[in-house]
Structures are given as C-alpha cells and as structure tokens.
PDB file of N, CA and C in Angstrom:
ATOM      1  N   MET A   1     -11.453 -13.311 -33.104  1.00  0.00           N
ATOM      2  CA  MET A   1     -10.343 -13.714 -31.846  1.00  0.00           C
ATOM      3  C   MET A   1      -9.049 -13.214 -32.431  1.00  0.00           C
ATOM      4  N   THR A   2      -8.665 -13.797 -33.521  1.00  0.00           N
ATOM      5  CA  THR A   2      -7.374 -13.425 -34.194  1.00  0.00           C
ATOM      6  C   THR A   2      -7.112 -11.869 -34.391  1.00  0.00           C
ATOM      7  N   ASN A   3      -8.372 -11.315 -34.695  1.00  0.00           N
ATOM      8  CA  ASN A   3      -8.096  -9.709 -34.668  1.00  0.00           C
ATOM      9  C   ASN A   3      -7.891  -9.162 -33.139  1.00  0.00           C
ATOM     10  N   ALA A   4      -8.445  -9.681 -32.392  1.00  0.00           N
ATOM     11  CA  ALA A   4      -8.218  -9.019 -30.870  1.00  0.00           C
ATOM     12  C   ALA A   4      -6.713  -9.488 -30.589  1.00  0.00           C
ATOM     13  N   TYR A   5      -6.287 -10.678 -30.972  1.00  0.00           N
ATOM     14  CA  TYR A   5      -4.897 -11.012 -30.437  1.00  0.00           C
ATOM     15  C   TYR A   5      -4.048 -10.093 -31.246  1.00  0.00           C
ATOM     16  N   GLN A   6      -4.203  -9.978 -32.382  1.00  0.00           N
ATOM     17  CA  GLN A   6      -3.132  -9.109 -33.312  1.00  0.00           C
ATOM     18  C   GLN A   6      -3.262  -7.756 -32.719  1.00  0.00           C
ATOM     19  N   ASP A   7      -4.457  -7.200 -32.261  1.00  0.00           N
ATOM     20  CA  ASP A   7      -4.321  -5.824 -31.765  1.00  0.00           C
ATOM     21  C   ASP A   7      -3.532  -5.813 -30.469  1.00  0.00           C
ATOM     22  N   LEU A   8      -3.589  -6.930 -29.635  1.00  0.00           N
ATOM     23  CA  LEU A   8      -2.964  -6.886 -28.380  1.00  0.00           C
ATOM     24  C   LEU A   8      -1.525  -6.874 -28.783  1.00  0.00           C
ATOM     25  N   CYS A   9      -0.884  -7.768 -29.711  1.00  0.00           N
ATOM     26  CA  CYS A   9       0.432  -7.675 -30.157  1.00  0.00           C
ATOM     27  C   CYS A   9       0.761  -6.532 -30.741  1.00  0.00           C
ATOM     28  N   ASP A  10      -0.063  -5.723 -31.457  1.00  0.00           N
ATOM     29  CA  ASP A  10       0.430  -4.448 -31.798  1.00  0.00           C
ATOM     30  C   ASP A  10       0.596  -3.422 -30.690  1.00  0.00           C
ATOM     31  N   TYR A  11      -0.450  -3.504 -29.697  1.00  0.00           N
ATOM     32  CA  TYR A  11      -0.230  -2.735 -28.704  1.00  0.00           C
ATOM     33  C   TYR A  11       0.980  -2.921 -27.687  1.00  0.00           C
ATOM     34  N   PHE A  12       1.278  -4.115 -27.381  1.00  0.00           N
ATOM     35  CA  PHE A  12       2.554  -4.459 -26.764  1.00  0.00           C
ATOM     36  C   PHE A  12       3.787  -4.415 -27.687  1.00  0.00           C
ATOM     37  N   ALA A  13       3.558  -4.136 -28.783  1.00  0.00           N
ATOM     38  CA  ALA A  13       4.840  -4.058 -29.864  1.00  0.00           C
ATOM     39  C   ALA A  13       5.472  -5.460 -29.834  1.00  0.00           C
ATOM     40  N   MET A  14       4.610  -6.312 -30.058  1.00  0.00           N
ATOM     41  CA  MET A  14       5.275  -7.811 -30.217  1.00  0.00           C
ATOM     42  C   MET A  14       4.833  -8.368 -31.572  1.00  0.00           C
ATOM     43  N   ASP A  15       5.711  -9.191 -32.101  1.00  0.00           N
ATOM     44  CA  ASP A  15       5.334  -9.825 -33.392  1.00  0.00           C
ATOM     45  C   ASP A  15       4.443 -11.081 -33.302  1.00  0.00           C
ATOM     46  N   SER A  16       3.318 -10.983 -33.758  1.00  0.00           N
ATOM     47  CA  SER A  16       2.016 -12.225 -33.470  1.00  0.00           C
ATOM     48  C   SER A  16       2.806 -13.472 -34.407  1.00  0.00           C
ATOM     49  N   LYS A  17       3.596 -13.382 -35.094  1.00  0.00           N
ATOM     50  CA  LYS A  17       4.069 -14.490 -35.991  1.00  0.00           C
ATOM     51  C   LYS A  17       5.251 -15.175 -35.189  1.00  0.00           C
ATOM     52  N   LYS A  18       5.848 -14.452 -34.241  1.00  0.00           N
ATOM     53  CA  LYS A  18       7.186 -15.115 -33.527  1.00  0.00           C
ATOM     54  C   LYS A  18       6.613 -15.492 -32.207  1.00  0.00           C
ATOM     55  N   CYS A  19       5.380 -14.962 -31.575  1.00  0.00           N
ATOM     56  CA  CYS A  19       4.939 -15.343 -30.496  1.00  0.00           C
ATOM     57  C   CYS A  19       3.591 -16.055 -30.543  1.00  0.00           C
ATOM     58  N   SER A  20       3.467 -17.274 -29.987  1.00  0.00           N
ATOM     59  CA  SER A  20       2.314 -17.893 -30.065  1.00  0.00           C
ATOM     60  C   SER A  20       1.341 -17.402 -29.058  1.00  0.00           C
ATOM     61  N   PHE A  21       0.088 -17.742 -29.378  1.00  0.00           N
ATOM     62  CA  PHE A  21      -1.145 -17.298 -28.728  1.00  0.00           C
ATOM     63  C   PHE A  21      -1.021 -17.719 -27.159  1.00  0.00           C
ATOM     64  N   ASN A  22      -0.693 -18.929 -26.987  1.00  0.00           N
ATOM     65  CA  ASN A  22      -0.504 -19.594 -25.706  1.00  0.00           C
ATOM     66  C   ASN A  22       0.514 -18.853 -24.735  1.00  0.00           C
ATOM     67  N   GLU A  23       1.743 -18.671 -25.447  1.00  0.00           N
ATOM     68  CA  GLU A  23       2.901 -18.051 -24.998  1.00  0.00           C
ATOM     69  C   GLU A  23       2.764 -16.670 -24.636  1.00  0.00           C
ATOM     70  N   PHE A  24       1.945 -15.911 -25.309  1.00  0.00           N
ATOM     71  CA  PHE A  24       1.706 -14.528 -25.105  1.00  0.00           C
ATOM     72  C   PHE A  24       0.751 -14.409 -23.922  1.00  0.00           C
ATOM     73  N   PHE A  25      -0.211 -15.209 -23.665  1.00  0.00           N
ATOM     74  CA  PHE A  25      -1.110 -15.029 -22.432  1.00  0.00           C
ATOM     75  C   PHE A  25      -0.619 -15.724 -21.316  1.00  0.00           C
ATOM     76  N   THR A  26       0.374 -16.642 -21.502  1.00  0.00           N
ATOM     77  CA  THR A  26       1.067 -17.108 -20.432  1.00  0.00           C
ATOM     78  C   THR A  26       2.044 -16.066 -19.652  1.00  0.00           C
ATOM     79  N   ASP A  27       2.803 -15.277 -20.691  1.00  0.00           N
ATOM     80  CA  ASP A  27       3.481 -14.227 -20.079  1.00  0.00           C
ATOM     81  C   ASP A  27       2.963 -13.185 -19.504  1.00  0.00           C
ATOM     82  N   LEU A  28       1.626 -12.913 -20.149  1.00  0.00           N
ATOM     83  CA  LEU A  28       0.826 -11.845 -19.534  1.00  0.00           C
ATOM     84  C   LEU A  28       0.143 -12.260 -18.182  1.00  0.00           C
ATOM     85  N   LYS A  29      -0.189 -13.458 -18.094  1.00  0.00           N
ATOM     86  CA  LYS A  29      -0.599 -13.857 -16.796  1.00  0.00           C
ATOM     87  C   LYS A  29       0.460 -13.962 -15.685  1.00  0.00           C
ATOM     88  N   THR A  30       1.653 -14.334 -16.083  1.00  0.00           N
ATOM     89  CA  THR A  30       2.898 -14.528 -15.021  1.00  0.00           C
ATOM     90  C   THR A  30       3.134 -12.917 -14.643  1.00  0.00           C
ATOM     91  N   PHE A  31       3.169 -12.019 -15.601  1.00  0.00           N
ATOM     92  CA  PHE A  31       3.364 -10.661 -15.290  1.00  0.00           C
ATOM     93  C   PHE A  31       2.397 -10.082 -14.182  1.00  0.00           C
ATOM     94  N   CYS A  32       1.111 -10.275 -14.628  1.00  0.00           N
ATOM     95  CA  CYS A  32      -0.020  -9.830 -13.693  1.00  0.00           C
ATOM     96  C   CYS A  32       0.104 -10.418 -12.380  1.00  0.00           C
ATOM     97  N   THR A  33       0.388 -11.544 -12.137  1.00  0.00           N
ATOM     98  CA  THR A  33       0.571 -12.368 -10.899  1.00  0.00           C
ATOM     99  C   THR A  33       1.871 -11.753 -10.044  1.00  0.00           C
ATOM    100  N   LEU A  34       2.766 -11.629 -10.876  1.00  0.00           N
ATOM    101  CA  LEU A  34       3.957 -10.921 -10.209  1.00  0.00           C
ATOM    102  C   LEU A  34       3.739  -9.479  -9.676  1.00  0.00           C
ATOM    103  N   PHE A  35       2.934  -8.767 -10.681  1.00  0.00           N
ATOM    104  CA  PHE A  35       2.647  -7.488 -10.422  1.00  0.00           C
ATOM    105  C   PHE A  35       1.847  -7.223  -8.996  1.00  0.00           C
ATOM    106  N   SER A  36       0.536  -8.040  -8.984  1.00  0.00           N
ATOM    107  CA  SER A  36      -0.068  -8.115  -7.803  1.00  0.00           C
ATOM    108  C   SER A  36       0.540  -8.397  -6.595  1.00  0.00           C
ATOM    109  N   THR A  37       1.478  -9.547  -6.691  1.00  0.00           N
ATOM    110  CA  THR A  37       2.227  -9.948  -5.497  1.00  0.00           C
ATOM    111  C   THR A  37       3.253  -8.642  -4.931  1.00  0.00           C
ATOM    112  N   CYS A  38       3.775  -7.971  -5.784  1.00  0.00           N
ATOM    113  CA  CYS A  38       4.627  -6.981  -5.447  1.00  0.00           C
ATOM    114  C   CYS A  38       3.636  -5.733  -4.969  1.00  0.00           C
ATOM    115  N   LEU A  39       2.621  -5.560  -5.345  1.00  0.00           N
ATOM    116  CA  LEU A  39       1.679  -4.470  -4.975  1.00  0.00           C
ATOM    117  C   LEU A  39       1.164  -5.012  -3.418  1.00  0.00           C
ATOM    118  N   HIS A  40       0.998  -6.267  -3.122  1.00  0.00           N
ATOM    119  CA  HIS A  40       0.675  -6.636  -1.901  1.00  0.00           C
ATOM    120  C   HIS A  40       1.932  -6.457  -0.985  1.00  0.00           C
ATOM    121  N   GLU A  41       2.999  -6.870  -1.345  1.00  0.00           N
ATOM    122  CA  GLU A  41       4.159  -6.761  -0.548  1.00  0.00           C
ATOM    123  C   GLU A  41       4.501  -5.204  -0.190  1.00  0.00           C
ATOM    124  N   ASN A  42       4.292  -4.421  -1.140  1.00  0.00           N
ATOM    125  CA  ASN A  42       4.487  -3.020  -0.804  1.00  0.00           C
ATOM    126  C   ASN A  42       3.395  -2.434   0.178  1.00  0.00           C
ATOM    127  N   TYR A  43       2.366  -2.989   0.064  1.00  0.00           N
ATOM    128  CA  TYR A  43       1.304  -2.558   1.125  1.00  0.00           C
ATOM    129  C   TYR A  43       1.445  -3.025   2.501  1.00  0.00           C
ATOM    130  N   LEU A  44       1.926  -4.393   2.441  1.00  0.00           N
ATOM    131  CA  LEU A  44       2.252  -4.852   3.775  1.00  0.00           C
ATOM    132  C   LEU A  44       3.735  -4.045   4.371  1.00  0.00           C
ATOM    133  N   TRP A  45       4.710  -3.724   3.550  1.00  0.00           N
ATOM    134  CA  TRP A  45       5.733  -3.104   3.994  1.00  0.00           C
ATOM    135  C   TRP A  45       5.472  -1.673   4.485  1.00  0.00           C
ATOM    136  N   ARG A  46       4.473  -0.909   3.808  1.00  0.00           N
ATOM    137  CA  ARG A  46       4.023   0.497   4.246  1.00  0.00           C
ATOM    138  C   ARG A  46       3.302   0.429   5.500  1.00  0.00           C
ATOM    139  N   LYS A  47       2.267  -0.629   5.628  1.00  0.00           N
ATOM    140  CA  LYS A  47       1.658  -1.109   6.866  1.00  0.00           C
ATOM    141  C   LYS A  47       2.435  -1.231   8.110  1.00  0.00           C
ATOM    142  N   GLU A  48       3.599  -1.823   7.835  1.00  0.00           N
ATOM    143  CA  GLU A  48       4.691  -2.168   9.044  1.00  0.00           C
ATOM    144  C   GLU A  48       5.349  -0.887   9.273  1.00  0.00           C
ATOM    145  N   GLU A  49       5.594  -0.155   8.435  1.00  0.00           N
ATOM    146  CA  GLU A  49       6.273   0.955   8.557  1.00  0.00           C
ATOM    147  C   GLU A  49       5.427   2.092   9.278  1.00  0.00           C
ATOM    148  N   GLU A  50       4.311   2.167   9.059  1.00  0.00           N
ATOM    149  CA  GLU A  50       3.343   2.999   9.765  1.00  0.00           C
ATOM    150  C   GLU A  50       3.232   2.488  11.224  1.00  0.00           C
ATOM    151  N   LYS A  51       3.110   1.254  11.533  1.00  0.00           N
ATOM    152  CA  LYS A  51       3.153   0.779  12.675  1.00  0.00           C
ATOM    153  C   LYS A  51       4.202   1.082  13.487  1.00  0.00           C
ATOM    154  N   ASN A  52       5.398   0.899  13.038  1.00  0.00           N
ATOM    155  CA  ASN A  52       6.634   1.051  13.690  1.00  0.00           C
ATOM    156  C   ASN A  52       6.702   2.636  13.983  1.00  0.00           C
ATOM    157  N   LYS A  53       6.207   3.599  13.249  1.00  0.00           N
ATOM    158  CA  LYS A  53       6.289   4.944  13.367  1.00  0.00           C
ATOM    159  C   LYS A  53       5.346   5.291  14.470  1.00  0.00           C
ATOM    160  N   ARG A  54       4.111   4.710  14.721  1.00  0.00           N
ATOM    161  CA  ARG A  54       3.201   4.878  15.732  1.00  0.00           C
ATOM    162  C   ARG A  54       3.619   4.378  16.879  1.00  0.00           C
ATOM    163  N   ALA A  55       4.356   3.324  17.085  1.00  0.00           N
ATOM    164  CA  ALA A  55       4.995   2.645  18.000  1.00  0.00           C
ATOM    165  C   ALA A  55       5.972   3.824  18.632  1.00  0.00           C
ATOM    166  N   GLN A  56       6.767   4.480  17.802  1.00  0.00           N
ATOM    167  CA  GLN A  56       7.918   5.176  18.257  1.00  0.00           C
ATOM    168  C   GLN A  56       7.236   6.703  18.909  1.00  0.00           C
ATOM    169  N   ILE A  57       6.093   7.084  18.554  1.00  0.00           N
ATOM    170  CA  ILE A  57       5.723   8.301  18.961  1.00  0.00           C
ATOM    171  C   ILE A  57       5.584   8.358  20.508  1.00  0.00           C
ATOM    172  N   PRO A  58       4.880   7.395  21.080  1.00  0.00           N
ATOM    173  CA  PRO A  58       4.646   7.557  22.631  1.00  0.00           C
ATOM    174  C   PRO A  58       6.084   7.451  23.259  1.00  0.00           C
ATOM    175  N   LYS A  59       7.137   6.635  22.635  1.00  0.00           N
ATOM    176  CA  LYS A  59       8.484   6.747  23.286  1.00  0.00           C
ATOM    177  C   LYS A  59       9.010   7.942  23.163  1.00  0.00           C
ATOM    178  N   GLN A  60       8.967   8.916  22.279  1.00  0.00           N
ATOM    179  CA  GLN A  60       9.289  10.092  22.053  1.00  0.00           C
ATOM    180  C   GLN A  60       8.599  10.945  22.890  1.00  0.00           C
ATOM    181  N   ARG A  61       7.499  10.875  23.227  1.00  0.00           N
ATOM    182  CA  ARG A  61       6.763  11.752  24.130  1.00  0.00           C
ATOM    183  C   ARG A  61       6.916  11.537  25.486  1.00  0.00           C
ATOM    184  N   ALA A  62       7.318  10.093  25.881  1.00  0.00           N
ATOM    185  CA  ALA A  62       7.726   9.805  27.316  1.00  0.00           C
ATOM    186  C   ALA A  62       8.840  10.359  27.515  1.00  0.00           C
ATOM    187  N   GLU A  63       9.845  10.401  26.670  1.00  0.00           N
ATOM    188  CA  GLU A  63      11.410  10.641  27.009  1.00  0.00           C
ATOM    189  C   GLU A  63      11.504  12.313  26.908  1.00  0.00           C
ATOM    190  N   PRO A  64      11.996  12.995  27.986  1.00  0.00           N
ATOM    191  CA  PRO A  64      11.905  14.240  28.041  1.00  0.00           C
ATOM    192  C   PRO A  64      13.366  14.623  27.172  1.00  0.00           C
ATOM    193  N   LYS A  65      13.165  15.586  26.544  1.00  0.00           N
ATOM    194  CA  LYS A  65      14.297  16.058  25.640  1.00  0.00           C
ATOM    195  C   LYS A  65      15.236  17.002  26.546  1.00  0.00           C
ATOM    196  N   PRO A  66      16.439  16.892  26.421  1.00  0.00           N
ATOM    197  CA  PRO A  66      17.299  17.657  27.355  1.00  0.00           C
ATOM    198  C   PRO A  66      17.475  18.819  26.544  1.00  0.00           C
ATOM    199  N   PHE A  67      17.440  19.930  27.676  1.00  0.00           N
ATOM    200  CA  PHE A  67      17.652  21.342  27.158  1.00  0.00           C
ATOM    201  C   PHE A  67      19.143  21.665  26.726  1.00  0.00           C
ATOM    202  N   PHE A  68      20.004  21.017  27.596  1.00  0.00           N
ATOM    203  CA  PHE A  68      21.545  21.192  27.153  1.00  0.00           C
ATOM    204  C   PHE A  68      22.066  19.871  27.144  1.00  0.00           C
ATOM    205  N   LYS A  69      22.755  19.501  26.106  1.00  0.00           N
ATOM    206  CA  LYS A  69      23.335  18.286  25.810  1.00  0.00           C
ATOM    207  C   LYS A  69      24.832  18.379  25.912  1.00  0.00           C
ATOM    208  N   PRO A  70      25.487  18.099  27.147  1.00  0.00           N
ATOM    209  CA  PRO A  70      27.003  18.422  27.317  1.00  0.00           C
ATOM    210  C   PRO A  70      27.873  17.497  26.755  1.00  0.00           C
ATOM    211  N   SER A  71      29.142  17.971  26.164  1.00  0.00           N
ATOM    212  CA  SER A  71      29.829  17.347  25.291  1.00  0.00           C
ATOM    213  C   SER A  71      31.007  16.715  26.251  1.00  0.00           C
ATOM    214  N   LYS A  72      32.103  16.162  25.650  1.00  0.00           N
ATOM    215  CA  LYS A  72      33.334  15.652  26.460  1.00  0.00           C
ATOM    216  C   LYS A  72      33.978  16.925  27.155  1.00  0.00           C
ATOM    217  N   ASN A  73      34.097  17.966  26.172  1.00  0.00           N
ATOM    218  CA  ASN A  73      34.777  19.242  26.645  1.00  0.00           C
ATOM    219  C   ASN A  73      34.019  19.886  27.790  1.00  0.00           C
ATOM    220  N   PHE A  74      32.815  19.802  27.923  1.00  0.00           N
ATOM    221  CA  PHE A  74      32.059  20.317  29.002  1.00  0.00           C
ATOM    222  C   PHE A  74      32.710  19.616  30.341  1.00  0.00           C
ATOM    223  N   PHE A  75      32.533  18.387  30.254  1.00  0.00           N
ATOM    224  CA  PHE A  75      32.952  17.836  31.599  1.00  0.00           C
ATOM    225  C   PHE A  75      34.540  18.023  31.950  1.00  0.00           C
ATOM    226  N   LEU A  76      35.426  18.324  31.082  1.00  0.00           N
ATOM    227  CA  LEU A  76      36.755  18.644  31.238  1.00  0.00           C
ATOM    228  C   LEU A  76      36.822  19.923  31.892  1.00  0.00           C
ATOM    229  N   ILE A  77      35.956  20.983  31.207  1.00  0.00           N
ATOM    230  CA  ILE A  77      35.993  22.339  31.993  1.00  0.00           C
ATOM    231  C   ILE A  77      35.306  22.252  33.087  1.00  0.00           C
ATOM    232  N   GLN A  78      34.412  21.537  33.338  1.00  0.00           N
ATOM    233  CA  GLN A  78      33.701  21.493  34.682  1.00  0.00           C
ATOM    234  C   GLN A  78      34.710  21.144  35.790  1.00  0.00           C
ATOM    235  N   SER A  79      35.348  19.916  35.468  1.00  0.00           N
ATOM    236  CA  SER A  79      36.377  19.552  36.409  1.00  0.00           C
ATOM    237  C   SER A  79      37.540  20.421  36.654  1.00  0.00           C
ATOM    238  N   TYR A  80      37.944  21.174  35.683  1.00  0.00           N
ATOM    239  CA  TYR A  80      39.052  22.183  35.885  1.00  0.00           C
ATOM    240  C   TYR A  80      38.552  23.270  36.752  1.00  0.00           C
ATOM    241  N   ILE A  81      37.331  23.780  36.447  1.00  0.00           N
ATOM    242  CA  ILE A  81      36.660  24.997  37.345  1.00  0.00           C
ATOM    243  C   ILE A  81      36.511  24.216  38.751  1.00  0.00           C
ATOM    244  N   LEU A  82      36.113  23.065  39.061  1.00  0.00           N
ATOM    245  CA  LEU A  82      35.857  22.624  40.363  1.00  0.00           C
ATOM    246  C   LEU A  82      37.325  22.440  41.130  1.00  0.00           C
ATOM    247  N   ASN A  83      38.269  22.071  40.232  1.00  0.00           N
ATOM    248  CA  ASN A  83      39.797  22.079  40.832  1.00  0.00           C
ATOM    249  C   ASN A  83      40.113  23.502  41.097  1.00  0.00           C
ATOM    250  N   HIS A  84      39.912  24.308  40.632  1.00  0.00           N
ATOM    251  CA  HIS A  84      40.211  25.777  40.647  1.00  0.00           C
ATOM    252  C   HIS A  84      39.496  26.379  41.832  1.00  0.00           C
ATOM    253  N   PHE A  85      38.335  26.135  42.302  1.00  0.00           N
ATOM    254  CA  PHE A  85      37.672  26.563  43.174  1.00  0.00           C
ATOM    255  C   PHE A  85      38.210  25.944  44.280  1.00  0.00           C
ATOM    256  N   GLN A  86      38.397  24.631  44.435  1.00  0.00           N
ATOM    257  CA  GLN A  86      38.982  24.010  45.599  1.00  0.00           C
ATOM    258  C   GLN A  86      40.324  24.504  46.064  1.00  0.00           C
ATOM    259  N   THR A  87      41.199  24.971  45.026  1.00  0.00           N
ATOM    260  CA  THR A  87      42.463  25.390  45.277  1.00  0.00           C
ATOM    261  C   THR A  87      42.302  26.853  46.055  1.00  0.00           C
ATOM    262  N   ILE A  88      41.458  27.671  45.306  1.00  0.00           N
ATOM    263  CA  ILE A  88      41.310  28.747  46.018  1.00  0.00           C
ATOM    264  C   ILE A  88      40.579  28.716  47.260  1.00  0.00           C
ATOM    265  N   ARG A  89      39.789  27.803  47.797  1.00  0.00           N
ATOM    266  CA  ARG A  89      39.178  27.531  48.914  1.00  0.00           C
ATOM    267  C   ARG A  89      40.335  27.200  50.040  1.00  0.00           C
ATOM    268  N   ILE A  90      41.277  26.490  49.424  1.00  0.00           N
ATOM    269  CA  ILE A  90      42.196  25.967  50.354  1.00  0.00           C
ATOM    270  C   ILE A  90      43.333  27.284  50.571  1.00  0.00           C
ATOM    271  N   ARG A  91      43.594  27.890  49.748  1.00  0.00           N
ATOM    272  CA  ARG A  91      44.401  29.365  49.838  1.00  0.00           C
ATOM    273  C   ARG A  91      43.641  30.096  50.921  1.00  0.00           C
ATOM    274  N   MET A  92      42.350  30.350  50.720  1.00  0.00           N
ATOM    275  CA  MET A  92      41.683  31.292  51.527  1.00  0.00           C
ATOM    276  C   MET A  92      41.830  30.695  53.036  1.00  0.00           C
ATOM    277  N   TRP A  93      41.550  29.295  53.129  1.00  0.00           N
ATOM    278  CA  TRP A  93      41.716  28.895  54.468  1.00  0.00           C
ATOM    279  C   TRP A  93      42.954  29.007  55.188  1.00  0.00           C
ATOM    280  N   TYR A  94      43.865  28.838  54.333  1.00  0.00           N
ATOM    281  CA  TYR A  94      45.534  29.187  54.999  1.00  0.00           C
ATOM    282  C   TYR A  94      45.854  30.639  55.188  1.00  0.00           C
ATOM    283  N   GLN A  95      44.900  31.589  54.629  1.00  0.00           N
ATOM    284  CA  GLN A  95      45.144  32.985  54.629  1.00  0.00           C
ATOM    285  C   GLN A  95      44.459  33.644  56.133  1.00  0.00           C
ATOM    286  N   ILE A  96      43.461  32.601  56.533  1.00  0.00           N
ATOM    287  CA  ILE A  96      42.800  32.991  57.683  1.00  0.00           C
ATOM    288  C   ILE A  96      43.457  32.739  59.010  1.00  0.00           C
TER     289      ILE A  96
END
C-alpha cells in the first residue's frame, strides 16, 4: 500500500513525507467532487444555450427580413422630395 501511495505522490509531484496519506486522498476526493460538479454545470449551461437557440429559430423564421432598411437620412430626403413635388404641383396649378 505504501508503494502505491509513493507512486501516486511521485506521479503528482508531491513529497510523501510532507503530505500525509489522509490529507492526500482528502484533497484528491475534493478535487474529483469539484471537477464533476463543474462538468455537470457546464453540461446544464450548454443544454440551456441550445434550448435558447432552438427557441429563437422559429422567431427568426416568422419575422420577415426587410429588403430595405431605411435610415434617418432616407426619411429626410423623402420629406424633401415630397415637399418639392407639392410646390411643383402648386406652381403648375397657378400656371393653368
């Protein structure tokens, strides 16, 4: 048993004289518990992320994408053109 413990200490680069048998395995058990907890949390996080992606796909398909996305300048230009045509119409009406 001590040979196996010595081999483990050599593998993990620990001094078997400074670290007791119980302390070593307590630390190893704590590490394994925390590692498995992290794996489970990562699994749940990925599962939730996939669920959110799947929920957004029907919304994206339902909303039609606009062919043309007007900017603020577009509305200013449009109002200028409409005003210009109205003044032309008024001038034409006076000329008749």
